Amino acid sequence: MAKKKIKTVSLEEQETTINVDYFSKTISAFTSKKSVYDKWCKDLGEPIEIATEKGRIVGGTWRIPAEDRNITKKIFSISTVVPKK
């Protein structure tokens, strides 16, 4: 599969949301920030859902099992989701 490029969205529209479902033991992670999207594509593979705007990719959603500690660490990595100064 060819790598899909994400469009850079304005700073006001960039977000990363991580939800933990304790009942189903899954983590859902969405991002519209290009650097996080690219990192997660590299670490987690292609997203299961892709958000588009005018035919361009503007975000993606991943769902992973919460028991997978190695992947969980990559999602919750502070250096990935918190912007550098």
N, C-alpha and C. Protein backbone atom coordinates (compact mmCIF):
# COMPACT_ATOMS: atom_id res chain seq x y z
N MET A 1 0.84 -1.18 0.00
CA MET A 1 0.00 0.00 0.00
C MET A 1 0.88 1.24 0.00
N ALA A 2 0.58 2.18 -0.84
CA ALA A 2 1.34 3.42 -0.93
C ALA A 2 1.07 4.28 0.30
N LYS A 3 2.12 4.93 0.77
CA LYS A 3 1.96 5.79 1.93
C LYS A 3 1.12 7.00 1.57
N LYS A 4 0.13 7.28 2.40
CA LYS A 4 -0.76 8.41 2.16
C LYS A 4 -0.25 9.62 2.93
N LYS A 5 -0.25 10.76 2.28
CA LYS A 5 0.22 12.00 2.89
C LYS A 5 -0.94 12.73 3.56
N ILE A 6 -0.68 13.27 4.73
CA ILE A 6 -1.68 14.05 5.44
C ILE A 6 -1.45 15.52 5.15
N LYS A 7 -2.53 16.25 5.00
CA LYS A 7 -2.47 17.70 4.79
C LYS A 7 -2.21 18.37 6.14
N THR A 8 -1.37 19.37 6.18
CA THR A 8 -1.17 20.14 7.40
C THR A 8 -2.35 21.07 7.58
N VAL A 9 -3.00 20.95 8.74
CA VAL A 9 -4.15 21.82 9.03
C VAL A 9 -3.69 22.96 9.93
N SER A 10 -4.50 24.00 10.01
CA SER A 10 -4.13 25.16 10.81
C SER A 10 -3.98 24.76 12.28
N LEU A 11 -3.17 25.51 13.00
CA LEU A 11 -2.90 25.21 14.40
C LEU A 11 -4.19 25.14 15.23
N GLU A 12 -5.16 25.99 14.91
CA GLU A 12 -6.42 26.00 15.65
C GLU A 12 -7.21 24.71 15.46
N GLU A 13 -6.97 23.99 14.37
CA GLU A 13 -7.72 22.77 14.06
C GLU A 13 -6.96 21.50 14.43
N GLN A 14 -5.73 21.62 14.88
CA GLN A 14 -4.94 20.43 15.23
C GLN A 14 -5.35 19.92 16.59
N GLU A 15 -5.55 18.59 16.67
CA GLU A 15 -5.88 17.98 17.94
C GLU A 15 -5.43 16.53 17.95
N THR A 16 -5.19 16.03 19.15
CA THR A 16 -4.91 14.62 19.36
C THR A 16 -5.75 14.19 20.55
N THR A 17 -6.56 13.14 20.33
CA THR A 17 -7.46 12.64 21.37
C THR A 17 -7.17 11.17 21.59
N ILE A 18 -6.97 10.81 22.85
CA ILE A 18 -6.72 9.42 23.21
C ILE A 18 -7.78 9.01 24.23
N ASN A 19 -8.53 7.94 23.90
CA ASN A 19 -9.58 7.43 24.78
C ASN A 19 -9.27 5.99 25.17
N VAL A 20 -9.42 5.71 26.46
CA VAL A 20 -9.21 4.36 26.96
C VAL A 20 -10.57 3.80 27.33
N ASP A 21 -10.95 2.69 26.70
CA ASP A 21 -12.20 1.99 27.03
C ASP A 21 -11.83 0.83 27.94
N TYR A 22 -12.07 1.00 29.23
CA TYR A 22 -11.67 0.01 30.21
C TYR A 22 -12.47 -1.28 30.08
N PHE A 23 -13.73 -1.17 29.66
CA PHE A 23 -14.57 -2.35 29.53
C PHE A 23 -14.07 -3.26 28.40
N SER A 24 -13.85 -2.69 27.22
CA SER A 24 -13.39 -3.52 26.09
C SER A 24 -11.87 -3.62 26.02
N LYS A 25 -11.19 -2.91 26.91
CA LYS A 25 -9.73 -2.92 26.98
C LYS A 25 -9.09 -2.53 25.64
N THR A 26 -9.59 -1.42 25.09
CA THR A 26 -9.03 -0.89 23.85
C THR A 26 -8.70 0.59 24.01
N ILE A 27 -7.78 1.03 23.20
CA ILE A 27 -7.41 2.44 23.16
C ILE A 27 -7.75 2.95 21.77
N SER A 28 -8.49 4.05 21.71
CA SER A 28 -8.78 4.73 20.45
C SER A 28 -7.99 6.03 20.45
N ALA A 29 -7.27 6.25 19.39
CA ALA A 29 -6.44 7.45 19.29
C ALA A 29 -6.71 8.13 17.95
N PHE A 30 -7.01 9.42 18.01
CA PHE A 30 -7.23 10.23 16.81
C PHE A 30 -6.26 11.39 16.82
N THR A 31 -5.74 11.74 15.65
CA THR A 31 -4.93 12.94 15.54
C THR A 31 -5.14 13.61 14.19
N SER A 32 -5.06 14.93 14.23
CA SER A 32 -5.05 15.71 12.99
C SER A 32 -3.75 16.50 12.89
N LYS A 33 -2.82 16.22 13.79
CA LYS A 33 -1.50 16.87 13.76
C LYS A 33 -0.57 16.04 12.89
N LYS A 34 0.00 16.65 11.87
CA LYS A 34 0.79 15.94 10.88
C LYS A 34 1.94 15.15 11.49
N SER A 35 2.70 15.74 12.41
CA SER A 35 3.86 15.04 12.97
C SER A 35 3.44 13.80 13.76
N VAL A 36 2.33 13.90 14.50
CA VAL A 36 1.83 12.75 15.27
C VAL A 36 1.29 11.69 14.31
N TYR A 37 0.54 12.11 13.29
CA TYR A 37 0.00 11.19 12.29
C TYR A 37 1.14 10.39 11.64
N ASP A 38 2.18 11.07 11.21
CA ASP A 38 3.31 10.40 10.55
C ASP A 38 4.00 9.43 11.50
N LYS A 39 4.18 9.84 12.76
CA LYS A 39 4.84 8.97 13.76
C LYS A 39 3.99 7.74 14.02
N TRP A 40 2.68 7.93 14.22
CA TRP A 40 1.81 6.78 14.48
C TRP A 40 1.71 5.86 13.28
N CYS A 41 1.71 6.40 12.07
CA CYS A 41 1.71 5.54 10.87
C CYS A 41 2.96 4.66 10.87
N LYS A 42 4.08 5.25 11.23
CA LYS A 42 5.33 4.50 11.27
C LYS A 42 5.30 3.44 12.38
N ASP A 43 4.82 3.81 13.56
CA ASP A 43 4.85 2.91 14.72
C ASP A 43 3.68 1.93 14.77
N LEU A 44 2.49 2.36 14.32
CA LEU A 44 1.27 1.57 14.49
C LEU A 44 0.70 1.03 13.19
N GLY A 45 1.18 1.53 12.07
CA GLY A 45 0.63 1.14 10.78
C GLY A 45 -0.45 2.13 10.35
N GLU A 46 -1.13 1.82 9.26
CA GLU A 46 -2.16 2.71 8.73
C GLU A 46 -3.34 2.82 9.68
N PRO A 47 -3.97 3.98 9.77
CA PRO A 47 -5.14 4.15 10.63
C PRO A 47 -6.33 3.33 10.12
N ILE A 48 -7.25 2.98 11.03
CA ILE A 48 -8.43 2.22 10.61
C ILE A 48 -9.49 3.14 10.03
N GLU A 49 -9.44 4.41 10.39
CA GLU A 49 -10.34 5.41 9.83
C GLU A 49 -9.51 6.62 9.43
N ILE A 50 -9.84 7.19 8.28
CA ILE A 50 -9.13 8.37 7.80
C ILE A 50 -10.12 9.51 7.66
N ALA A 51 -9.79 10.65 8.27
CA ALA A 51 -10.62 11.85 8.16
C ALA A 51 -10.16 12.63 6.92
N THR A 52 -11.12 13.03 6.10
CA THR A 52 -10.77 13.79 4.89
C THR A 52 -11.54 15.09 4.83
N GLU A 53 -10.97 16.02 4.11
CA GLU A 53 -11.60 17.32 3.86
C GLU A 53 -11.26 17.70 2.42
N LYS A 54 -12.27 17.85 1.61
CA LYS A 54 -12.07 18.18 0.19
C LYS A 54 -11.14 17.17 -0.48
N GLY A 55 -11.29 15.90 -0.12
CA GLY A 55 -10.50 14.85 -0.73
C GLY A 55 -9.09 14.70 -0.20
N ARG A 56 -8.70 15.50 0.77
CA ARG A 56 -7.36 15.43 1.35
C ARG A 56 -7.43 14.84 2.76
N ILE A 57 -6.42 14.07 3.11
CA ILE A 57 -6.36 13.47 4.44
C ILE A 57 -6.02 14.56 5.45
N VAL A 58 -6.83 14.65 6.51
CA VAL A 58 -6.58 15.64 7.56
C VAL A 58 -6.48 15.00 8.95
N GLY A 59 -6.58 13.68 9.03
CA GLY A 59 -6.47 13.02 10.33
C GLY A 59 -6.71 11.53 10.21
N GLY A 60 -6.46 10.82 11.31
CA GLY A 60 -6.65 9.38 11.31
C GLY A 60 -6.95 8.87 12.71
N THR A 61 -7.61 7.70 12.76
CA THR A 61 -7.95 7.05 14.02
C THR A 61 -7.36 5.64 14.05
N TRP A 62 -6.78 5.29 15.17
CA TRP A 62 -6.24 3.96 15.40
C TRP A 62 -6.96 3.35 16.60
N ARG A 63 -7.16 2.04 16.60
CA ARG A 63 -7.69 1.32 17.76
C ARG A 63 -6.74 0.16 18.03
N ILE A 64 -6.30 0.07 19.25
CA ILE A 64 -5.36 -0.99 19.61
C ILE A 64 -5.78 -1.62 20.94
N PRO A 65 -5.36 -2.87 21.17
CA PRO A 65 -5.66 -3.50 22.46
C PRO A 65 -4.82 -2.84 23.57
N ALA A 66 -5.46 -2.54 24.70
CA ALA A 66 -4.77 -1.87 25.80
C ALA A 66 -3.69 -2.75 26.42
N GLU A 67 -3.81 -4.06 26.26
CA GLU A 67 -2.83 -4.97 26.85
C GLU A 67 -1.46 -4.91 26.16
N ASP A 68 -1.41 -4.40 24.94
CA ASP A 68 -0.16 -4.32 24.21
C ASP A 68 0.66 -3.14 24.73
N ARG A 69 1.47 -3.39 25.72
CA ARG A 69 2.21 -2.33 26.43
C ARG A 69 3.19 -1.58 25.53
N ASN A 70 3.82 -2.26 24.60
CA ASN A 70 4.79 -1.59 23.72
C ASN A 70 4.11 -0.54 22.85
N ILE A 71 2.97 -0.89 22.27
CA ILE A 71 2.25 0.07 21.44
C ILE A 71 1.64 1.17 22.31
N THR A 72 1.13 0.79 23.48
CA THR A 72 0.55 1.78 24.39
C THR A 72 1.58 2.84 24.76
N LYS A 73 2.80 2.44 25.01
CA LYS A 73 3.86 3.39 25.33
C LYS A 73 4.09 4.37 24.18
N LYS A 74 3.99 3.89 22.94
CA LYS A 74 4.20 4.76 21.78
C LYS A 74 3.09 5.79 21.64
N ILE A 75 1.85 5.38 21.96
CA ILE A 75 0.73 6.31 21.86
C ILE A 75 0.81 7.38 22.94
N PHE A 76 1.15 6.97 24.16
CA PHE A 76 1.18 7.91 25.28
C PHE A 76 2.52 8.63 25.44
N SER A 77 3.44 8.45 24.50
CA SER A 77 4.74 9.09 24.58
C SER A 77 4.58 10.61 24.59
N ILE A 78 5.08 11.24 25.63
CA ILE A 78 4.95 12.68 25.79
C ILE A 78 5.66 13.42 24.65
N SER A 79 6.75 12.86 24.16
CA SER A 79 7.50 13.53 23.09
C SER A 79 6.74 13.48 21.76
N THR A 80 5.78 12.57 21.63
CA THR A 80 4.99 12.47 20.41
C THR A 80 3.83 13.46 20.42
N VAL A 81 3.10 13.54 21.53
CA VAL A 81 1.85 14.30 21.53
C VAL A 81 1.97 15.73 22.05
N VAL A 82 3.02 16.05 22.80
CA VAL A 82 3.17 17.41 23.32
C VAL A 82 4.14 18.17 22.43
N PRO A 83 3.74 19.37 21.97
CA PRO A 83 4.63 20.11 21.06
C PRO A 83 5.93 20.55 21.73
N LYS A 84 6.96 20.59 20.90
CA LYS A 84 8.25 21.10 21.38
C LYS A 84 8.21 22.61 21.39
N LYS A 85 8.98 23.21 22.27
CA LYS A 85 9.01 24.67 22.36
C LYS A 85 9.82 25.27 21.26
